[in-house]
Protein backbone atom coordinates (compact mmCIF):
# COMPACT_ATOMS: atom_id res chain seq x y z
CA MET A 1 0.00 0.00 0.00
CA PHE A 2 0.99 3.61 -0.55
CA GLY A 3 0.02 7.00 0.83
CA ILE A 4 0.42 10.76 0.53
CA CYS A 5 0.31 13.50 3.15
CA ASN A 6 -2.80 15.65 2.62
CA LEU A 7 -2.28 17.78 5.74
CA ALA A 8 0.22 20.60 6.30
CA ILE A 9 2.65 18.72 8.55
CA ILE A 10 2.35 15.36 10.29
CA PRO A 11 4.77 13.83 12.81
CA LEU A 12 6.79 10.76 11.93
CA ARG A 13 7.30 8.85 15.18
CA PHE A 14 9.76 6.23 16.39
CA GLU A 15 7.00 4.03 17.84
CA PRO A 16 3.25 3.74 17.14
CA ASN A 17 1.88 6.00 19.89
CA ASP A 18 1.27 9.70 20.42
CA ARG A 19 3.88 9.95 23.16
CA SER A 20 6.68 8.51 21.07
CA GLU A 21 9.67 10.54 19.91
CA ILE A 22 9.19 12.49 16.68
CA VAL A 23 12.06 11.42 14.41
CA SER A 24 11.01 13.51 11.41
CA GLN A 25 8.02 15.19 9.78
CA VAL A 26 6.01 14.47 6.66
CA LEU A 27 5.14 17.66 4.77
CA PHE A 28 2.14 18.30 2.58
CA GLY A 29 2.34 16.34 -0.67
CA GLU A 30 5.15 13.99 0.34
CA HIS A 31 4.40 10.38 -0.59
CA PHE A 32 5.48 7.09 0.90
CA GLU A 33 5.15 3.33 1.02
CA ILE A 34 3.12 1.75 3.81
CA LEU A 35 5.15 -1.10 5.30
CA GLU A 36 2.91 -2.19 8.15
CA GLN A 37 -0.49 -1.28 9.60
CA LEU A 38 -1.86 -1.56 13.09
CA LYS A 39 -5.33 -0.50 14.22
CA GLN A 40 -4.51 3.21 14.42
CA TRP A 41 -0.95 3.48 13.14
CA SER A 42 1.00 2.86 9.93
CA ARG A 43 4.73 2.29 9.55
CA ILE A 44 5.90 4.06 6.41
CA LYS A 45 9.01 4.55 4.30
CA MET A 46 9.39 7.95 2.69
CA GLN A 47 9.92 7.86 -1.06
CA TYR A 48 12.32 10.81 -1.03
CA ASP A 49 14.94 9.53 1.43
CA ASP A 50 13.78 6.01 2.50
CA TYR A 51 13.33 7.27 6.09
CA GLU A 52 11.02 5.08 8.17
CA GLY A 53 8.68 5.74 11.08
CA TRP A 54 5.11 5.59 12.32
CA VAL A 55 2.27 7.96 11.41
CA ASP A 56 -1.34 8.19 12.55
CA SER A 57 -3.44 6.37 9.96
CA LYS A 58 -6.02 9.19 10.07
CA GLN A 59 -3.46 11.71 8.85
CA PHE A 60 -2.86 10.68 5.25
CA GLN A 61 -4.58 9.60 2.06
CA ILE A 62 -4.20 6.19 0.43
CA ILE A 63 -2.97 6.27 -3.18
CA SER A 64 -2.48 3.54 -5.78
CA GLU A 65 0.84 1.95 -6.65
CA SER A 66 0.65 3.46 -10.13
CA SER A 67 0.13 6.94 -8.64
CA TYR A 68 3.06 6.38 -6.27
CA ASN A 69 5.30 5.32 -9.16
CA GLN A 70 4.20 8.24 -11.29
CA LEU A 71 4.95 10.79 -8.56
CA SER A 72 8.29 9.11 -7.92
CA THR A 73 9.45 9.59 -11.49
CA GLU A 74 8.16 13.14 -12.04
CA ALA A 75 10.09 16.33 -11.41
CA ILE A 76 9.64 17.73 -7.91
CA ILE A 77 7.54 20.89 -7.55
CA LEU A 78 7.79 22.61 -4.16
CA ASN A 79 6.29 25.58 -2.36
CA ALA A 80 8.99 28.28 -2.39
CA ASP A 81 7.41 30.65 0.19
CA LEU A 82 7.84 30.53 3.97
CA ILE A 83 4.12 29.92 4.30
CA GLU A 84 1.46 29.68 1.63
CA TYR A 85 -2.12 28.47 1.33
CA ILE A 86 -3.75 25.56 -0.39
CA THR A 87 -7.35 26.09 -1.44
CA GLY A 88 -9.93 23.44 -2.10
CA ARG A 89 -13.59 22.58 -2.16
CA SER A 90 -16.02 23.94 0.46
CA ASN A 91 -13.92 27.11 0.89
CA LEU A 92 -10.97 25.12 2.21
CA LEU A 93 -7.98 27.29 3.11
CA MET A 94 -5.00 25.37 4.54
CA PRO A 95 -1.52 26.79 5.27
CA ILE A 96 1.46 24.76 4.08
CA PRO A 97 5.14 25.38 4.90
CA LEU A 98 8.20 26.01 2.76
CA GLY A 99 9.25 22.86 0.90
CA SER A 100 5.81 21.26 0.69
CA SER A 101 5.36 19.07 -2.40
CA LEU A 102 2.88 20.16 -5.07
CA SER A 103 3.53 17.64 -7.84
CA PHE A 104 0.32 15.68 -7.23
CA ILE A 105 -2.09 18.62 -7.61
CA ASN A 106 -2.41 18.14 -11.38
CA HIS A 107 -3.30 14.46 -10.97
CA ASN A 108 -7.06 14.19 -10.56
CA GLU A 109 -6.88 10.57 -9.44
CA ILE A 110 -4.77 11.67 -6.44
CA ASN A 111 -6.06 15.18 -5.88
CA THR A 112 -9.56 14.08 -4.91
CA SER A 113 -9.99 17.10 -2.59
CA GLY A 114 -9.61 19.57 -5.43
CA PHE A 115 -6.52 21.23 -3.96
CA ASP A 116 -5.22 24.28 -5.80
CA PHE A 117 -2.11 26.40 -5.27
CA GLU A 118 -1.42 29.90 -6.58
CA GLY A 119 1.77 30.74 -4.68
CA THR A 120 5.42 30.71 -5.70
CA LYS A 121 6.82 27.36 -6.81
CA THR A 122 10.29 26.00 -7.38
CA SER A 123 10.98 23.16 -9.76
CA GLY A 124 13.83 21.70 -7.76
CA GLU A 125 16.38 22.26 -10.52
CA LYS A 126 19.98 22.18 -9.33
CA ASN A 127 21.09 25.65 -8.27
CA LYS A 128 24.18 25.85 -6.08
CA GLU A 129 24.18 29.66 -6.12
CA ASN A 130 20.88 29.83 -4.23
CA LEU A 131 21.81 27.52 -1.34
CA ILE A 132 22.80 30.31 1.06
CA SER A 133 19.86 32.57 0.23
CA THR A 134 17.53 29.61 0.76
CA ALA A 135 19.24 28.86 4.09
CA PHE A 136 18.53 32.44 5.19
CA MET A 137 14.80 31.76 4.82
CA TYR A 138 15.10 29.48 7.86
CA LEU A 139 17.16 31.96 9.93
CA ASN A 140 15.96 32.07 13.58
CA ALA A 141 13.70 29.05 13.12
CA PRO A 142 13.61 27.36 16.54
CA TYR A 143 15.42 24.06 16.95
CA LEU A 144 13.02 21.11 16.99
CA TRP A 145 14.18 17.51 17.07
CA GLY A 146 12.76 15.88 13.93
CA GLY A 147 11.58 19.22 12.50
CA LYS A 148 11.69 20.17 8.81
CA THR A 149 9.97 23.58 8.66
CA PRO A 150 10.67 27.26 9.46
CA PHE A 151 8.48 26.78 12.55
CA GLY A 152 10.83 24.17 14.00
CA ILE A 153 13.76 22.32 12.47
CA ASP A 154 16.76 20.19 13.42
CA CYS A 155 20.27 20.43 12.01
CA SER A 156 19.93 17.74 9.35
CA GLY A 157 16.34 18.66 8.52
CA PHE A 158 17.65 22.15 7.82
CA THR A 159 20.42 21.00 5.47
CA GLN A 160 18.16 18.47 3.75
CA MET A 161 15.40 21.01 3.06
CA VAL A 162 17.80 23.73 1.85
CA TYR A 163 19.38 21.28 -0.57
CA LYS A 164 16.02 19.85 -1.64
CA LEU A 165 14.70 23.31 -2.54
CA ASN A 166 17.74 23.70 -4.79
CA GLY A 167 17.53 20.37 -6.56
CA TYR A 168 19.94 18.22 -4.52
CA LYS A 169 19.03 15.13 -2.52
CA LEU A 170 20.41 14.61 0.97
CA LEU A 171 19.55 11.79 3.33
CA ARG A 172 17.68 12.63 6.53
CA ASP A 173 20.15 12.34 9.45
CA ALA A 174 23.52 14.07 9.85
CA SER A 175 25.32 10.73 10.12
CA GLN A 176 23.69 9.60 6.86
CA GLN A 177 24.47 12.86 5.08
CA SER A 178 28.13 12.53 6.08
CA THR A 179 28.38 9.45 3.82
CA GLN A 180 27.54 11.58 0.78
CA GLY A 181 29.82 13.76 -1.32
CA GLU A 182 33.56 14.22 -1.48
CA PRO A 183 35.68 15.18 1.55
CA LEU A 184 37.84 18.30 1.57
CA SER A 185 41.18 18.51 3.36
CA PHE A 186 40.98 22.11 4.55
CA ILE A 187 38.35 24.74 5.31
CA GLU A 188 40.14 26.96 2.80
CA GLU A 189 39.11 24.55 0.02
CA SER A 190 35.42 24.92 0.84
CA GLU A 191 32.87 27.02 -0.99
CA PRO A 192 29.55 28.49 0.16
CA GLY A 193 27.03 25.67 0.29
CA ASP A 194 29.45 22.92 1.29
CA LEU A 195 28.57 20.92 4.39
CA ALA A 196 30.55 20.74 7.63
CA PHE A 197 30.01 17.75 9.93
CA PHE A 198 30.77 17.55 13.64
CA ASP A 199 31.25 14.61 15.99
CA ASN A 200 31.02 13.82 19.70
CA GLU A 201 33.60 12.31 22.03
CA GLU A 202 32.78 8.83 20.72
CA GLY A 203 33.47 9.93 17.14
CA ASN A 204 29.83 9.78 16.04
CA ILE A 205 28.57 12.44 13.65
CA ILE A 206 25.93 14.42 15.55
CA HIS A 207 25.70 17.80 13.80
CA VAL A 208 25.83 19.41 10.36
CA GLY A 209 25.78 22.94 8.99
CA ILE A 210 26.15 24.86 5.74
CA ILE A 211 29.39 26.74 5.12
CA MET A 212 29.19 30.41 4.11
CA ASP A 213 31.77 32.93 2.90
CA ASP A 214 34.59 34.17 5.15
CA ASN A 215 34.59 31.19 7.57
CA TYR A 216 31.02 31.51 8.73
CA ILE A 217 28.49 28.71 9.07
CA ILE A 218 24.69 28.65 9.25
CA HIS A 219 23.25 25.78 11.27
CA ALA A 220 20.44 24.77 13.62
CA SER A 221 21.53 24.86 17.26
CA GLY A 222 18.90 26.29 19.59
CA LYS A 223 17.74 28.11 16.49
CA VAL A 224 19.01 28.49 12.95
CA ARG A 225 21.94 30.83 13.51
CA ILE A 226 25.20 32.06 12.03
CA ASP A 227 28.51 31.39 13.82
CA ARG A 228 32.23 31.37 13.06
CA LEU A 229 33.89 28.22 11.71
CA ASP A 230 37.56 27.34 12.20
CA HIS A 231 39.70 24.21 12.08
CA LEU A 232 38.51 23.23 15.58
CA GLY A 233 34.81 23.62 14.89
CA ILE A 234 32.00 26.11 15.50
CA PHE A 235 32.87 29.13 17.63
CA ASN A 236 30.02 30.94 19.34
CA SER A 237 30.98 34.61 19.76
CA GLU A 238 28.25 35.11 22.38
CA THR A 239 29.75 32.57 24.75
CA ASN A 240 33.35 32.74 23.44
CA LYS A 241 33.38 28.96 23.27
CA HIS A 242 33.58 26.24 20.64
CA THR A 243 30.25 24.44 20.64
CA HIS A 244 30.85 21.68 18.06
CA LYS A 245 34.00 19.78 17.09
CA LEU A 246 34.73 19.67 13.36
CA ARG A 247 35.05 16.20 11.85
CA VAL A 248 34.89 16.59 8.08
CA ILE A 249 33.85 18.97 5.30
CA LYS A 250 32.01 17.54 2.33
CA LYS A 251 31.30 18.88 -1.13
CA ILE A 252 27.99 17.33 -2.14
CA ILE A 253 27.73 18.93 -5.57
């Protein structure tokens, strides 16, 4: 079985109950495979990044396998505004966040609610030059474990969404993203848009951010913020301390 998110944002949970940890979010228009169903919950695998978790079975729409395959092969169309509105039958007006998927709206067999969208779209074509300006759209978004929107986002959700809006696919977690791309030997080799990864005392990758010009980095830590980056890691000028230890820099594109 297959499904699509027909609400603005739904939580993707680690276990099938409302008190379980939110490991990610499913945004409007994102589609997925249903791996398992319980009475009230469904375990799904996201088509975009193969991420798995549990969602409330009342919070999505069932679609056919042919519709799933069609959406999976089509070009991505995304909402390019911080917040926009979907309209529909019976005077429906529903807000959707930046990065919501709109590809299905032109498919009548999927769009049974008559959704329509008149806001700004992006086609997801590769555009390295826009990575930093897109990242700035999330500036000051509060940190939220599992979040993927300007209203709450985690470090890897931030990098994934910024890259997605510019036509590049990243996996969901920082540790997964660190397996992508080509490593650089020095910060001086990096360009705006490259990714910096940071580890803990055990050597596990736990954080990621997007490198900017002049040894700055934009990343989600407490909020999406801009800090200094040096060969040791991220330096917070407010506390005069390094907050994250640099492990590797990767060029994804």
